[in-house]
Structures are given as structure tokens and as C-alpha cells.
Amino acid sequence: MSNKYSFSIKSVAIDKTQTQMVTVVAIAAVLTVFALMFAKTLLSEQSFQSRLIHADETASSQLTADTKAANQLTNYYNYFESHTTNILGGSSTGNGPQDGSNATIILDALPSQYDFPALASSITKIFNYLNLPNNSVSGSDLEATQGNVKASNNPQPIAMPFNFSVSGTSYTSIQDLVKTLEYSIRPIQIESMSISGSQNSMTISVQAQTYYQPGKIMGITNETVN
């Protein structure tokens, strides 16, 4: 009887020890997994913070450079506008075809919006300056389609076709007209031209095009750091 009782006590002790070992191993495994997950989280957080700091430093450097460039641009603009003689050699305050402030010349050279009536008015202004009364400017007003073109990050020039004619003028006046168009504030590309009549009573008909360019978007963008 004592042997059986002793064996039973030993069996219980062994089972208890095994249970404790399994428990210890299980707890150790859980702690190990937790430690690995925690370490992974810390590494991921550290990597994110590193990327965030780098992005912040890059944005700060870019902002500093942009601020400096904006100040320089303001100084250049003020200097550009301060001259009484513009870049075309005309008066900055006059009303001739080559007159006007430098900023106005730049804006008139390549407008940011489609405006056919303004184009016709500028061509007529050249005719009046050259004393060419018998003239006409025509073309298709595409305001319905071209007027909805929006500003973009990379705008491109868009052609504006038009026609004009001058009649009852001399050959010399036609030469002056062509030369004036070449030096016009707004670039004018002649596609075709026909001249008829006598030397002192000539008619010129021209198919040409000019351009406008939608505005460029200049804004501050947001960047997500993952």
C-alpha cells in the first residue's frame, strides 16, 4: 500500500511540475511575442518620425527659398516698372501701339483669357494709328468654348484665328502695316495674305492668328507622410 501511495504522490508532483513548466513556457512565449510586436511598433514609429522630420525640414527649406525668391521678384518687378521708356522703346505712359507700362505690355502680349472683342479692338487701334480708315476685323468668336478654359499647373498657348482687310490704301501704307504688326505688343502670325489693286489704291486681306494662355496655378500643396 505504501508503494502505491508513494507512486501516486510522485505522479501528482510530476504533473504539477509539468503544468508549471507549460505555464512558464506559455507566459514566456506571450511575453516574447508582445516584446517583438512592441519592438516592431517602436521601429515603425521611429521610421515614421524620421520621415516626418525629413519632410518638415524639406518644407521649411523650400518655404525659406520661396520667401527669398518672392522678395527678389518684388524688387525686380518694381525696377522693371520704374522705367519711363518701355521694353519696346515706347513711352510707359503713352497711347501709341508701342506705348504702355512694361507690366501691361507683358499682359497684353499673352493674355490669360480668351477675349475676341479685345483682340479686334487692338487691331483696330493699329489701323487708326496708321490712318487706315477703310478696314475691318472679323473671325469666329469662340467665347462659348474657349471662355471656359481653366488655369492649370502647365498651361499652353492657345491660338486665336482672325481675319482683317484694309482697302483704298497705298503700297507704302501696306508696308507700314506689316512692319507694325511685326513689332506689335501682341504676337501676330500671318497665315496667308493677298494684295490687289493699283499702287495708290490697294486692298490687303489677311488670315492670321494670335495667342492667349490660361493662367498658371501657383499654390501650396499638402503632402501626406505615411
Protein backbone atom coordinates (compact mmCIF):
# COMPACT_ATOMS: atom_id res chain seq x y z
CA MET A 1 0.00 0.00 0.00
CA SER A 2 2.78 2.43 0.85
CA ASN A 3 4.41 1.88 -2.53
CA LYS A 4 1.21 2.69 -4.35
CA TYR A 5 0.65 5.76 -2.21
CA SER A 6 4.24 6.92 -2.77
CA PHE A 7 3.89 6.40 -6.55
CA SER A 8 0.68 8.41 -6.57
CA ILE A 9 2.31 11.31 -4.73
CA LYS A 10 5.23 11.26 -7.17
CA SER A 11 2.84 11.27 -10.14
CA VAL A 12 0.97 14.26 -8.77
CA ALA A 13 4.24 16.11 -8.16
CA ILE A 14 5.42 15.39 -11.72
CA ASP A 15 2.11 16.52 -13.20
CA LYS A 16 2.22 19.69 -11.14
CA THR A 17 5.78 20.39 -12.27
CA GLN A 18 4.83 19.82 -15.91
CA THR A 19 1.87 22.13 -15.53
CA GLN A 20 4.09 24.82 -14.06
CA MET A 21 6.62 24.39 -16.87
CA VAL A 22 3.92 24.63 -19.52
CA THR A 23 2.56 27.74 -17.83
CA VAL A 24 6.01 29.31 -17.64
CA VAL A 25 6.71 28.46 -21.29
CA ALA A 26 3.33 29.87 -22.35
CA ILE A 27 3.89 33.09 -20.40
CA ALA A 28 7.40 33.38 -21.83
CA ALA A 29 6.04 32.86 -25.35
CA VAL A 30 3.37 35.52 -24.82
CA LEU A 31 5.92 37.95 -23.43
CA THR A 32 8.27 37.23 -26.31
CA VAL A 33 5.53 37.83 -28.89
CA PHE A 34 4.48 41.01 -27.08
CA ALA A 35 8.09 42.21 -26.93
CA LEU A 36 8.56 41.53 -30.65
CA MET A 37 5.33 43.33 -31.52
CA PHE A 38 6.26 46.25 -29.28
CA ALA A 39 9.73 46.43 -30.83
CA LYS A 40 8.20 46.38 -34.31
CA THR A 41 5.81 49.17 -33.34
CA LEU A 42 8.68 51.24 -31.92
CA LEU A 43 10.75 50.73 -35.07
CA SER A 44 7.79 51.66 -37.27
CA GLU A 45 7.10 54.76 -35.17
CA GLN A 46 10.76 55.74 -35.25
CA SER A 47 10.82 55.33 -39.04
CA PHE A 48 7.64 57.44 -39.37
CA GLN A 49 9.03 60.17 -37.13
CA SER A 50 12.24 60.18 -39.17
CA ARG A 51 10.29 60.60 -42.43
CA LEU A 52 8.11 63.27 -40.84
CA ILE A 53 11.12 65.25 -39.60
CA HIS A 54 12.77 64.98 -43.03
CA ALA A 55 9.61 66.18 -44.79
CA ASP A 56 9.25 69.04 -42.32
CA GLU A 57 12.85 70.13 -42.87
CA THR A 58 12.39 69.93 -46.65
CA ALA A 59 9.20 72.02 -46.50
CA SER A 60 10.87 74.57 -44.22
CA SER A 61 13.85 74.89 -46.57
CA GLN A 62 11.52 75.26 -49.57
CA LEU A 63 9.48 77.93 -47.77
CA THR A 64 12.64 79.87 -46.94
CA ALA A 65 13.80 79.69 -50.56
CA ASP A 66 10.33 80.70 -51.85
CA THR A 67 10.18 83.68 -49.50
CA LYS A 68 13.59 84.85 -50.66
CA ALA A 69 12.59 84.40 -54.31
CA ALA A 70 9.33 86.31 -53.75
CA ASN A 71 11.21 89.25 -52.24
CA GLN A 72 13.66 89.26 -55.15
CA LEU A 73 10.79 89.09 -57.64
CA THR A 74 9.12 92.08 -55.99
CA ASN A 75 12.33 94.10 -56.29
CA TYR A 76 12.79 93.08 -59.92
CA TYR A 77 9.17 93.96 -60.72
CA ASN A 78 9.45 97.41 -59.15
CA TYR A 79 12.63 98.05 -61.13
CA PHE A 80 11.01 96.71 -64.31
CA GLU A 81 8.05 99.05 -63.91
CA SER A 82 10.06 102.16 -62.93
CA HIS A 83 11.35 102.99 -66.45
CA THR A 84 9.75 105.83 -68.42
CA THR A 85 10.76 104.08 -71.68
CA ASN A 86 9.29 100.60 -72.00
CA ILE A 87 10.89 97.44 -73.41
CA LEU A 88 9.53 98.26 -76.89
CA GLY A 89 11.14 101.69 -76.91
CA GLY A 90 7.82 103.50 -76.44
CA SER A 91 6.57 105.69 -73.64
CA SER A 92 5.39 103.94 -70.49
CA THR A 93 2.52 106.46 -70.24
CA GLY A 94 1.68 106.97 -73.94
CA ASN A 95 -1.20 105.63 -76.05
CA GLY A 96 0.65 104.55 -79.20
CA PRO A 97 0.89 100.92 -80.43
CA GLN A 98 4.28 100.58 -78.74
CA ASP A 99 3.42 102.56 -75.61
CA GLY A 100 2.34 101.37 -72.19
CA SER A 101 3.93 100.18 -68.98
CA ASN A 102 6.13 97.10 -69.11
CA ALA A 103 3.70 95.06 -67.00
CA THR A 104 0.83 95.99 -69.32
CA ILE A 105 2.90 95.02 -72.35
CA ILE A 106 3.60 91.57 -70.89
CA LEU A 107 -0.07 91.02 -70.06
CA ASP A 108 -1.20 92.27 -73.48
CA ALA A 109 1.38 90.12 -75.26
CA LEU A 110 -0.14 86.89 -73.96
CA PRO A 111 -3.49 87.40 -72.18
CA SER A 112 -4.65 84.78 -69.73
CA GLN A 113 -8.23 84.73 -71.05
CA TYR A 114 -9.90 84.40 -74.41
CA ASP A 115 -11.28 87.80 -75.46
CA PHE A 116 -12.02 88.22 -79.17
CA PRO A 117 -13.55 91.75 -78.86
CA ALA A 118 -10.35 92.93 -77.13
CA LEU A 119 -8.29 91.43 -79.96
CA ALA A 120 -10.41 93.20 -82.59
CA SER A 121 -10.06 96.45 -80.65
CA SER A 122 -6.25 96.18 -80.51
CA ILE A 123 -6.04 95.51 -84.27
CA THR A 124 -8.35 98.45 -84.98
CA LYS A 125 -6.11 100.61 -82.77
CA ILE A 126 -3.19 99.81 -85.09
CA PHE A 127 -5.29 100.75 -88.13
CA ASN A 128 -6.23 104.08 -86.56
CA TYR A 129 -2.61 104.80 -85.60
CA LEU A 130 -1.60 104.30 -89.27
CA ASN A 131 -4.58 106.31 -90.59
CA LEU A 132 -6.16 103.34 -92.39
CA PRO A 133 -9.88 104.13 -92.13
CA ASN A 134 -11.29 101.53 -94.56
CA ASN A 135 -10.68 98.43 -92.53
CA SER A 136 -12.46 95.51 -90.92
CA VAL A 137 -11.62 92.77 -88.47
CA SER A 138 -13.58 89.52 -88.49
CA GLY A 139 -13.48 85.99 -87.21
CA SER A 140 -15.40 83.47 -85.16
CA ASP A 141 -15.98 84.48 -81.56
CA LEU A 142 -15.32 81.22 -79.70
CA GLU A 143 -16.18 82.58 -76.27
CA ALA A 144 -18.69 79.76 -75.70
CA THR A 145 -15.98 77.09 -75.93
CA GLN A 146 -12.71 78.91 -75.24
CA GLY A 147 -14.08 81.05 -72.42
CA ASN A 148 -14.31 78.03 -70.11
CA VAL A 149 -10.64 77.05 -70.31
CA LYS A 150 -9.35 76.94 -66.74
CA ALA A 151 -6.00 77.70 -65.21
CA SER A 152 -3.71 74.70 -64.77
CA ASN A 153 -0.30 73.65 -63.50
CA ASN A 154 1.13 73.56 -67.02
CA PRO A 155 -0.82 75.95 -69.30
CA GLN A 156 -0.07 76.05 -73.02
CA PRO A 157 -0.67 78.87 -75.55
CA ILE A 158 -3.93 78.55 -77.49
CA ALA A 159 -4.31 80.01 -80.99
CA MET A 160 -6.93 82.69 -81.76
CA PRO A 161 -7.54 82.85 -85.54
CA PHE A 162 -8.91 86.05 -87.10
CA ASN A 163 -9.11 87.90 -90.42
CA PHE A 164 -8.73 91.53 -91.35
CA SER A 165 -8.74 93.64 -94.50
CA VAL A 166 -7.77 97.16 -95.46
CA SER A 167 -8.83 98.81 -98.71
CA GLY A 168 -8.13 102.01 -100.63
CA THR A 169 -4.61 102.46 -99.33
CA SER A 170 -1.15 102.77 -100.85
CA TYR A 171 1.56 100.14 -101.13
CA THR A 172 3.70 102.14 -98.70
CA SER A 173 0.90 102.08 -96.12
CA ILE A 174 0.63 98.33 -96.52
CA GLN A 175 4.35 98.01 -95.88
CA ASP A 176 3.96 100.15 -92.75
CA LEU A 177 1.05 97.97 -91.61
CA VAL A 178 3.01 94.73 -91.99
CA LYS A 179 6.01 96.23 -90.22
CA THR A 180 3.83 97.50 -87.37
CA LEU A 181 2.26 94.06 -86.95
CA GLU A 182 5.76 92.58 -86.70
CA TYR A 183 6.55 94.93 -83.80
CA SER A 184 3.12 94.65 -82.20
CA ILE A 185 2.93 94.11 -78.43
CA ARG A 186 0.83 91.06 -79.12
CA PRO A 187 2.47 88.41 -81.34
CA ILE A 188 0.60 88.05 -84.64
CA GLN A 189 1.33 85.19 -87.00
CA ILE A 190 0.18 85.80 -90.59
CA GLU A 191 -1.10 82.57 -92.19
CA SER A 192 -1.96 83.97 -95.62
CA MET A 193 -2.11 87.38 -97.31
CA SER A 194 -3.48 88.65 -100.60
CA ILE A 195 -2.95 92.10 -102.14
CA SER A 196 -4.84 93.53 -105.09
CA GLY A 197 -5.46 96.89 -106.82
CA SER A 198 -3.24 99.71 -108.09
CA GLN A 199 -0.23 101.15 -106.31
CA ASN A 200 -2.20 104.02 -104.74
CA SER A 201 -5.46 102.15 -104.14
CA MET A 202 -4.72 98.69 -102.88
CA THR A 203 -6.62 96.16 -100.82
CA ILE A 204 -4.96 93.72 -98.46
CA SER A 205 -6.73 90.70 -96.96
CA VAL A 206 -5.03 88.72 -94.22
CA GLN A 207 -5.72 85.49 -92.37
CA ALA A 208 -3.75 85.46 -89.13
CA GLN A 209 -3.72 84.20 -85.58
CA THR A 210 -2.55 85.33 -82.21
CA TYR A 211 -2.49 83.52 -78.88
CA TYR A 212 -3.69 83.55 -75.31
CA GLN A 213 -2.53 81.35 -72.46
CA PRO A 214 -4.65 80.36 -69.44
CA GLY A 215 -3.26 81.26 -66.05
CA LYS A 216 -0.86 79.04 -64.15
CA ILE A 217 -1.88 77.70 -60.77
CA MET A 218 0.59 78.68 -58.08
CA GLY A 219 -0.47 77.23 -54.74
CA ILE A 220 0.71 75.48 -51.61
CA THR A 221 0.25 71.74 -51.79
CA ASN A 222 -0.31 69.24 -48.97
CA GLU A 223 1.76 66.10 -48.60
CA THR A 224 0.79 63.10 -46.52
CA VAL A 225 3.62 61.29 -44.76
CA ASN A 226 2.89 57.59 -44.38
